[in-house]
């Protein structure tokens, strides 16, 4: 049996939406809404990893746990690794679920879906994807495609990730969702590796794991969570969450 911990990396630097984690949604900062969605999974403790004291204060105000990390991390994976080592130096939690800090409307069931495939000891990392139905997404380089092969109903094995339209030919295309459940040993190995050639070329961090021979499985979910990257996304999130009851 695994013992997961959920880590939410959050940093204030955002060119399109400055101070994004603390943006107000219904009277609470966005990062608190993400924390609440993660808490609703019941998977295990939820820890926010940040380089900003104001974010720590916001999470502690609602009774949550936050860890102050270095400001110079090149990626969210590096940030959550520092945080989980600080939070759990004994290594009790063997699975680390990385939930992005700008997904205030994410379905807790989607987060939870990332953990069961790790029951297969051959799997290092699990991520999520959804089948693409809108034609414009198939050619949009901002929509990352997961090239994968089905291994069971609703479960795929990742072969590649790309901003291109792939694979070619008839058949479904899959929109990758950047949420990861890491076997902790895999996360430790990953952050010790330098950026890989394909990672740099595609600007996709997960390719470093594939190039290093790590296995990534993909759980299929029903929809893509709203990522808040710009002011209009924030307004959509406010509308979605306006009538959602709080979980205390």
Protein backbone atom coordinates (compact mmCIF):
# COMPACT_ATOMS: atom_id res chain seq x y z
CA UNK A 1 0.00 0.00 0.00
CA UNK A 2 1.29 3.44 -0.88
CA UNK A 3 1.34 6.40 1.51
CA UNK A 4 0.87 9.49 -0.66
CA UNK A 5 1.55 13.12 0.12
CA UNK A 6 0.25 15.91 -2.14
CA UNK A 7 2.62 18.78 -2.94
CA UNK A 8 1.43 22.02 -4.53
CA UNK A 9 4.23 24.25 -5.87
CA UNK A 10 3.34 27.95 -5.89
CA UNK A 11 5.41 30.97 -6.81
CA UNK A 12 4.47 34.60 -7.25
CA UNK A 13 6.35 35.24 -10.50
CA UNK A 14 3.90 35.35 -13.40
CA UNK A 15 4.24 37.66 -16.37
CA UNK A 16 0.59 37.44 -17.46
CA UNK A 17 -1.00 37.48 -14.00
CA UNK A 18 1.30 38.95 -11.32
CA UNK A 19 0.76 37.57 -7.81
CA UNK A 20 -1.33 34.74 -9.27
CA UNK A 21 -1.43 32.39 -6.23
CA UNK A 22 -2.93 35.13 -4.06
CA UNK A 23 -5.49 36.27 -6.64
CA UNK A 24 -8.88 36.56 -4.98
CA UNK A 25 -11.58 34.02 -5.83
CA UNK A 26 -14.72 34.37 -3.76
CA UNK A 27 -12.91 35.97 -0.86
CA UNK A 28 -10.01 33.50 -0.69
CA UNK A 29 -6.66 33.30 -2.49
CA UNK A 30 -6.48 30.95 -5.48
CA UNK A 31 -3.84 28.79 -3.77
CA UNK A 32 -6.31 28.10 -0.95
CA UNK A 33 -8.86 26.81 -3.46
CA UNK A 34 -6.25 24.45 -4.94
CA UNK A 35 -5.36 23.31 -1.42
CA UNK A 36 -9.05 22.62 -0.73
CA UNK A 37 -9.42 20.53 -3.90
CA UNK A 38 -6.37 18.51 -2.87
CA UNK A 39 -7.67 18.04 0.68
CA UNK A 40 -10.96 16.71 -0.73
CA UNK A 41 -9.14 13.73 -2.24
CA UNK A 42 -8.43 12.24 1.18
CA UNK A 43 -5.21 10.78 -0.23
CA UNK A 44 -2.96 12.08 2.54
CA UNK A 45 -1.38 15.29 3.81
CA UNK A 46 -1.33 18.32 1.52
CA UNK A 47 1.70 20.61 1.54
CA UNK A 48 2.15 23.87 -0.36
CA UNK A 49 5.75 24.48 -1.47
CA UNK A 50 6.59 28.13 -2.06
CA UNK A 51 9.32 30.75 -1.94
CA UNK A 52 6.91 33.43 -0.72
CA UNK A 53 6.05 34.07 2.96
CA UNK A 54 2.68 35.59 1.99
CA UNK A 55 1.61 32.29 0.43
CA UNK A 56 2.65 30.43 3.57
CA UNK A 57 0.58 32.84 5.66
CA UNK A 58 -2.47 32.33 3.42
CA UNK A 59 -2.28 28.54 3.75
CA UNK A 60 -1.60 28.55 7.48
CA UNK A 61 -4.57 30.89 8.00
CA UNK A 62 -6.91 28.11 6.84
CA UNK A 63 -5.10 25.45 8.86
CA UNK A 64 -2.94 24.08 6.06
CA UNK A 65 0.73 23.16 5.86
CA UNK A 66 3.24 25.12 3.79
CA UNK A 67 7.01 24.83 3.40
CA UNK A 68 9.32 27.69 2.46
CA UNK A 69 11.70 26.66 -0.32
CA UNK A 70 14.56 28.28 -2.17
CA UNK A 71 13.63 30.87 -4.76
CA UNK A 72 16.02 29.69 -7.47
CA UNK A 73 14.50 26.31 -8.39
CA UNK A 74 14.42 25.75 -12.17
CA UNK A 75 11.16 23.79 -12.01
CA UNK A 76 8.23 22.81 -9.86
CA UNK A 77 9.64 19.29 -9.57
CA UNK A 78 12.77 20.62 -7.89
CA UNK A 79 10.65 22.75 -5.56
CA UNK A 80 8.43 19.87 -4.46
CA UNK A 81 11.45 17.62 -3.90
CA UNK A 82 13.01 20.15 -1.52
CA UNK A 83 9.65 20.54 0.22
CA UNK A 84 8.92 16.84 0.65
CA UNK A 85 12.40 16.22 2.02
CA UNK A 86 11.81 18.99 4.57
CA UNK A 87 8.29 17.86 5.44
CA UNK A 88 9.07 14.13 5.59
CA UNK A 89 12.83 13.60 6.14
CA UNK A 90 12.16 10.04 7.36
CA UNK A 91 10.80 9.04 3.95
CA UNK A 92 7.47 7.70 5.26
CA UNK A 93 5.55 8.96 2.22
CA UNK A 94 6.58 6.87 -0.79
CA UNK A 95 4.33 8.61 -3.36
CA UNK A 96 4.45 12.35 -4.12
CA UNK A 97 1.53 13.84 -6.05
CA UNK A 98 2.39 17.13 -7.73
CA UNK A 99 -0.69 19.33 -8.27
CA UNK A 100 -0.11 22.63 -10.04
CA UNK A 101 -0.95 25.69 -7.98
CA UNK A 102 -3.07 27.32 -10.70
CA UNK A 103 -5.83 24.70 -10.96
CA UNK A 104 -8.48 25.99 -8.52
CA UNK A 105 -11.35 24.10 -10.17
CA UNK A 106 -9.65 20.71 -10.57
CA UNK A 107 -11.83 17.71 -9.79
CA UNK A 108 -10.46 15.91 -6.69
CA UNK A 109 -11.31 12.63 -8.42
CA UNK A 110 -8.83 13.47 -11.18
CA UNK A 111 -6.09 13.99 -8.60
CA UNK A 112 -6.97 10.69 -6.93
CA UNK A 113 -6.91 8.85 -10.28
CA UNK A 114 -3.16 9.41 -10.54
CA UNK A 115 -2.22 7.13 -7.65
CA UNK A 116 -3.65 3.60 -8.28
CA UNK A 117 -1.46 2.85 -11.35
CA UNK A 118 1.60 3.09 -9.10
CA UNK A 119 0.53 -0.24 -7.60
CA UNK A 120 2.45 -1.69 -10.57
CA UNK A 121 6.08 -1.66 -9.36
CA UNK A 122 7.31 -1.15 -12.94
CA UNK A 123 5.69 2.30 -13.10
CA UNK A 124 7.78 5.28 -11.99
CA UNK A 125 5.39 8.17 -12.67
CA UNK A 126 1.69 8.53 -13.42
CA UNK A 127 0.14 11.51 -15.17
CA UNK A 128 -3.24 12.35 -16.69
CA UNK A 129 -4.71 12.93 -20.14
CA UNK A 130 -8.05 13.49 -21.81
CA UNK A 131 -9.11 12.68 -25.35
CA UNK A 132 -9.13 15.73 -27.64
CA UNK A 133 -12.48 16.48 -29.29
CA UNK A 134 -12.02 20.08 -30.46
CA UNK A 135 -10.30 20.20 -33.84
CA UNK A 136 -8.36 23.39 -33.08
CA UNK A 137 -6.66 21.74 -30.09
CA UNK A 138 -5.16 19.06 -32.32
CA UNK A 139 -2.85 21.56 -34.01
CA UNK A 140 -2.38 23.99 -31.09
CA UNK A 141 1.27 23.85 -29.88
CA UNK A 142 0.11 25.03 -26.45
CA UNK A 143 -1.87 21.80 -26.12
CA UNK A 144 0.68 19.12 -25.27
CA UNK A 145 -0.16 15.75 -26.82
CA UNK A 146 0.51 12.47 -25.08
CA UNK A 147 1.51 9.76 -27.54
CA UNK A 148 0.52 6.61 -25.72
CA UNK A 149 -0.52 2.99 -26.03
CA UNK A 150 -3.49 1.45 -24.20
CA UNK A 151 -2.58 -1.18 -21.61
CA UNK A 152 -5.99 -1.42 -19.89
CA UNK A 153 -9.32 0.42 -20.13
CA UNK A 154 -8.65 4.02 -19.11
CA UNK A 155 -4.93 3.39 -18.67
CA UNK A 156 -2.19 4.14 -21.19
CA UNK A 157 1.58 3.85 -21.30
CA UNK A 158 3.35 7.03 -22.37
CA UNK A 159 5.66 6.71 -25.36
CA UNK A 160 6.28 10.42 -25.99
CA UNK A 161 4.95 13.92 -25.33
CA UNK A 162 4.96 16.64 -27.97
CA UNK A 163 3.58 20.03 -28.95
CA UNK A 164 3.17 18.74 -32.50
CA UNK A 165 0.07 16.94 -33.79
CA UNK A 166 0.89 13.32 -33.09
CA UNK A 167 0.49 10.52 -33.82
CA UNK A 168 -0.54 10.87 -37.44
CA UNK A 169 -3.27 8.82 -39.10
CA UNK A 170 -6.80 8.00 -37.92
CA UNK A 171 -7.47 7.60 -34.21
CA UNK A 172 -7.75 9.64 -31.04
CA UNK A 173 -5.32 12.30 -29.84
CA UNK A 174 -4.78 12.95 -26.14
CA UNK A 175 -4.34 16.25 -24.31
CA UNK A 176 -1.76 15.87 -21.56
CA UNK A 177 -2.61 17.30 -18.13
CA UNK A 178 0.45 18.35 -16.15
CA UNK A 179 -0.33 16.58 -12.88
CA UNK A 180 2.10 13.90 -11.73
CA UNK A 181 2.14 11.15 -9.13
CA UNK A 182 5.77 10.26 -8.52
CA UNK A 183 7.22 7.24 -6.86
CA UNK A 184 9.45 9.11 -4.44
CA UNK A 185 12.55 7.26 -5.56
CA UNK A 186 11.76 8.32 -9.14
CA UNK A 187 11.41 11.98 -8.12
CA UNK A 188 14.76 11.83 -6.34
CA UNK A 189 16.40 10.38 -9.45
CA UNK A 190 14.67 12.85 -11.77
CA UNK A 191 15.86 15.99 -9.99
CA UNK A 192 19.42 14.63 -10.01
CA UNK A 193 19.43 14.44 -13.83
CA UNK A 194 20.39 17.33 -16.10
CA UNK A 195 17.81 18.62 -18.60
CA UNK A 196 17.69 16.24 -21.56
CA UNK A 197 18.01 17.13 -25.26
CA UNK A 198 14.35 16.45 -26.12
CA UNK A 199 13.18 18.21 -22.95
CA UNK A 200 15.05 21.33 -24.06
CA UNK A 201 13.87 21.03 -27.65
CA UNK A 202 10.15 20.53 -26.86
CA UNK A 203 10.21 22.54 -23.62
CA UNK A 204 8.58 19.59 -21.85
CA UNK A 205 10.11 18.52 -18.56
CA UNK A 206 8.56 15.04 -18.58
CA UNK A 207 10.69 14.06 -21.58
CA UNK A 208 13.71 14.01 -19.26
CA UNK A 209 12.13 11.06 -17.48
CA UNK A 210 11.39 9.18 -20.70
CA UNK A 211 14.87 9.81 -22.07
CA UNK A 212 16.28 8.40 -18.83
CA UNK A 213 14.28 5.19 -19.33
CA UNK A 214 11.67 5.89 -16.66
CA UNK A 215 8.17 4.53 -17.20
CA UNK A 216 5.24 6.95 -17.25
CA UNK A 217 1.67 5.62 -17.27
CA UNK A 218 -1.33 7.81 -18.03
CA UNK A 219 -4.75 7.66 -16.41
CA UNK A 220 -7.50 8.99 -18.68
CA UNK A 221 -9.92 11.47 -17.13
CA UNK A 222 -13.05 13.21 -18.37
CA UNK A 223 -11.99 16.82 -18.82
CA UNK A 224 -9.10 19.25 -18.73
CA UNK A 225 -9.00 21.36 -15.55
CA UNK A 226 -9.02 25.12 -16.00
CA UNK A 227 -5.50 26.50 -15.67
CA UNK A 228 -5.42 30.14 -14.57
CA UNK A 229 -2.81 31.88 -16.71
CA UNK A 230 -4.44 35.20 -17.56
CA UNK A 231 -7.11 37.58 -16.22
CA UNK A 232 -9.90 36.02 -18.31
CA UNK A 233 -9.06 32.58 -16.84
CA UNK A 234 -9.37 34.08 -13.38
CA UNK A 235 -12.83 35.38 -14.19
CA UNK A 236 -13.87 31.92 -15.44
CA UNK A 237 -12.59 30.34 -12.23
CA UNK A 238 -14.52 32.86 -10.14
CA UNK A 239 -17.70 32.01 -12.03
CA UNK A 240 -17.20 28.25 -11.67
CA UNK A 241 -16.48 28.42 -7.94
CA UNK A 242 -19.07 31.07 -7.07
CA UNK A 243 -21.61 28.54 -5.79
CA UNK A 244 -19.26 25.80 -4.65
CA UNK A 245 -19.50 25.02 -0.92
CA UNK A 246 -16.31 25.35 1.11
CA UNK A 247 -14.74 22.33 2.76
CA UNK A 248 -13.43 23.00 6.24
